[in-house]
Protein backbone atom coordinates (compact mmCIF):
# COMPACT_ATOMS: atom_id res chain seq x y z
CA MET A 1 118.03 94.41 92.10
CA PHE A 2 115.58 93.43 94.56
CA ASN A 3 112.02 92.84 93.02
CA PRO A 4 109.30 92.06 95.31
CA ASN A 5 107.69 89.73 92.26
CA ARG A 6 111.11 88.02 91.50
CA ILE A 7 113.68 85.78 92.93
CA PRO A 8 116.98 87.88 92.01
CA GLY A 9 118.89 86.03 89.44
CA ASN A 10 116.57 83.66 88.00
CA GLY A 11 113.25 85.69 87.08
CA ILE A 12 110.97 83.37 89.20
CA VAL A 13 107.98 84.61 90.53
CA THR A 14 108.07 83.37 94.21
CA GLY A 15 105.13 85.35 95.77
CA ASN A 16 107.36 85.28 98.94
CA LEU A 17 108.05 88.77 99.73
CA GLY A 18 109.94 88.19 102.89
CA ALA A 19 112.24 85.64 101.30
CA ASP A 20 113.13 88.07 98.66
CA LEU A 21 113.72 90.75 100.97
CA ARG A 22 115.84 88.74 103.35
CA ARG A 23 117.88 87.74 100.03
CA SER A 24 118.18 91.23 98.91
CA LEU A 25 119.56 92.71 102.24
CA GLY A 26 122.37 89.58 102.53
CA GLU A 27 123.11 90.41 98.95
CA ALA A 28 123.44 94.08 99.63
CA ILE A 29 125.45 93.39 102.73
CA ARG A 30 127.87 91.00 101.01
CA ARG A 31 128.64 93.74 98.15
CA SER A 32 129.29 96.55 100.50
CA ARG A 33 132.14 94.64 101.85
CA LYS A 34 131.39 95.94 105.13
CA THR A 35 131.19 93.94 108.70
CA HIS A 36 127.29 93.37 110.12
CA ALA A 37 129.24 95.54 112.65
CA GLU A 38 130.02 98.74 110.35
CA ILE A 39 126.56 98.57 109.16
CA ALA A 40 124.84 98.57 112.30
CA HIS A 41 126.77 101.16 114.00
CA GLU A 42 126.59 103.60 110.73
CA MET A 43 122.85 102.98 110.71
CA THR A 44 122.47 103.87 114.44
CA GLU A 45 124.10 107.01 113.83
CA ARG A 46 121.90 107.58 110.85
CA LEU A 47 118.45 106.61 112.34
CA GLY A 48 119.60 107.65 116.27
CA GLN A 49 118.04 104.47 117.25
CA PRO A 50 120.15 101.51 118.21
CA VAL A 51 120.85 98.82 115.26
CA THR A 52 123.08 95.85 116.22
CA GLN A 53 124.74 93.42 114.63
CA THR A 54 122.43 90.71 115.64
CA MET A 55 119.53 92.30 114.44
CA LEU A 56 121.14 92.27 110.49
CA ASN A 57 121.78 88.66 111.15
CA GLU A 58 118.22 88.33 112.21
CA PHE A 59 116.89 90.70 109.46
CA THR A 60 118.86 88.15 106.62
CA ARG A 61 118.40 84.80 108.46
CA SER A 62 115.47 82.59 106.82
CA GLY A 63 113.45 82.23 109.84
CA ASP A 64 114.10 81.92 113.55
CA ARG A 65 113.83 78.91 115.61
CA GLU A 66 110.41 79.38 116.46
CA GLY A 67 109.58 79.58 112.80
CA ARG A 68 109.01 83.11 113.07
CA GLU A 69 110.58 85.87 110.56
CA VAL A 70 112.24 88.92 111.81
CA ARG A 71 110.77 92.05 109.87
CA PHE A 72 113.18 94.51 108.60
CA PRO A 73 111.64 98.09 109.67
CA ALA A 74 110.80 100.07 106.29
CA ALA A 75 111.60 103.24 107.45
CA TRP A 76 115.40 101.90 108.01
CA VAL A 77 115.34 101.08 104.15
CA PRO A 78 116.94 104.63 102.82
CA ALA A 79 119.57 104.51 105.48
CA PHE A 80 120.57 100.87 105.08
CA CYS A 81 120.85 101.60 100.98
CA GLU A 82 122.87 104.80 102.38
CA VAL A 83 125.22 102.82 104.61
CA VAL A 84 125.94 99.67 102.23
CA GLY A 85 126.15 102.09 99.15
CA ASP A 86 123.40 100.30 97.11
CA ASP A 87 120.03 101.34 96.11
CA ALA A 88 118.85 97.51 94.90
CA LEU A 89 116.53 97.43 97.95
CA GLN A 90 114.79 100.71 97.93
CA ARG A 91 114.72 100.14 94.31
CA GLY A 92 112.88 97.23 94.28
CA LEU A 93 110.26 98.20 96.86
CA MET A 94 109.15 101.09 94.24
CA SER A 95 106.14 100.17 91.93
CA GLU A 96 107.30 99.24 88.27
CA ARG A 97 105.98 102.87 87.58
CA LEU A 98 108.53 104.55 89.66
CA ARG A 99 111.27 102.53 88.52
CA GLU A 100 110.99 103.69 85.19
CA LEU A 101 110.39 107.34 86.07
CA VAL A 102 113.84 106.83 88.13
CA SER A 103 115.44 105.35 84.96
CA LEU A 104 114.30 108.22 82.73
CA GLY A 105 115.42 110.77 85.31
CA GLU A 106 119.16 108.85 85.13
CA ARG A 107 119.35 108.97 81.70
CA VAL A 108 117.92 112.70 81.71
CA PHE A 109 120.90 113.28 83.74
CA ASN A 110 123.26 111.46 81.98
CA LEU A 111 122.54 113.45 78.88
CA ARG A 112 122.71 117.02 80.48
CA SER A 113 126.17 115.84 81.71
CA ILE A 114 126.95 114.77 78.27
CA LEU A 115 125.29 117.96 76.72
CA LYS A 116 127.41 120.09 79.30
CA GLU A 117 130.81 118.74 77.85
CA VAL A 118 129.63 119.12 74.17
CA CYS A 119 129.14 122.61 75.02
CA ASP A 120 132.44 123.37 77.01
CA GLY A 121 133.91 121.58 73.84
CA VAL A 122 132.19 124.34 71.42
CA ALA A 123 133.27 127.19 73.74
CA LYS A 124 136.87 126.22 73.38
CA LEU A 125 137.09 125.85 70.11
CA GLU A 126 135.10 128.75 69.63
CA GLY A 127 137.69 130.44 71.98
CA ARG A 128 140.47 129.30 69.74
CA GLU A 129 139.24 130.19 66.67
CA ARG A 130 138.96 133.61 67.98
CA GLN A 131 142.47 133.78 68.75
CA LYS A 132 143.33 132.32 65.49
CA LYS A 133 141.35 135.59 63.73
CA GLY A 134 142.84 137.92 66.26
CA GLN A 135 146.40 136.75 65.46
CA GLY A 136 145.85 137.24 61.80
CA LYS A 137 144.77 140.86 61.96
CA ARG A 138 147.97 142.35 63.43
CA ILE A 139 149.55 145.18 61.97
CA ARG A 140 152.88 145.75 61.70
CA LYS A 141 154.29 149.22 62.55
CA ALA A 142 157.31 150.04 60.19
């Protein structure tokens, strides 16, 4: 996950947000297994403004020939994450407090799913039990 204070993978504080962001963009693109052209096309559709393969290449390049960096627009982050199917960039841009809240929310969501499965299982067992009790009370006519 992108962390604005760390180099992904080794945990060393860099202080270079631009380099970390470019690295995170590149890693998310590679993990998506989509081409730059596919990502650019899908982002263009979502954003309603042109995004090109060349632009994506420039956003992940360490610096252009003149030594200046091309910056990825923050407004594009949600669309990028959706297109590549990876929220690491978006999560990395959150504060530590927000990341903890999202993590807590995910755990609560998972617990709700587990609780629903347990309740469904209990209801199924209760239904079987009622069925068994009902079968035992039948009176046969002679």
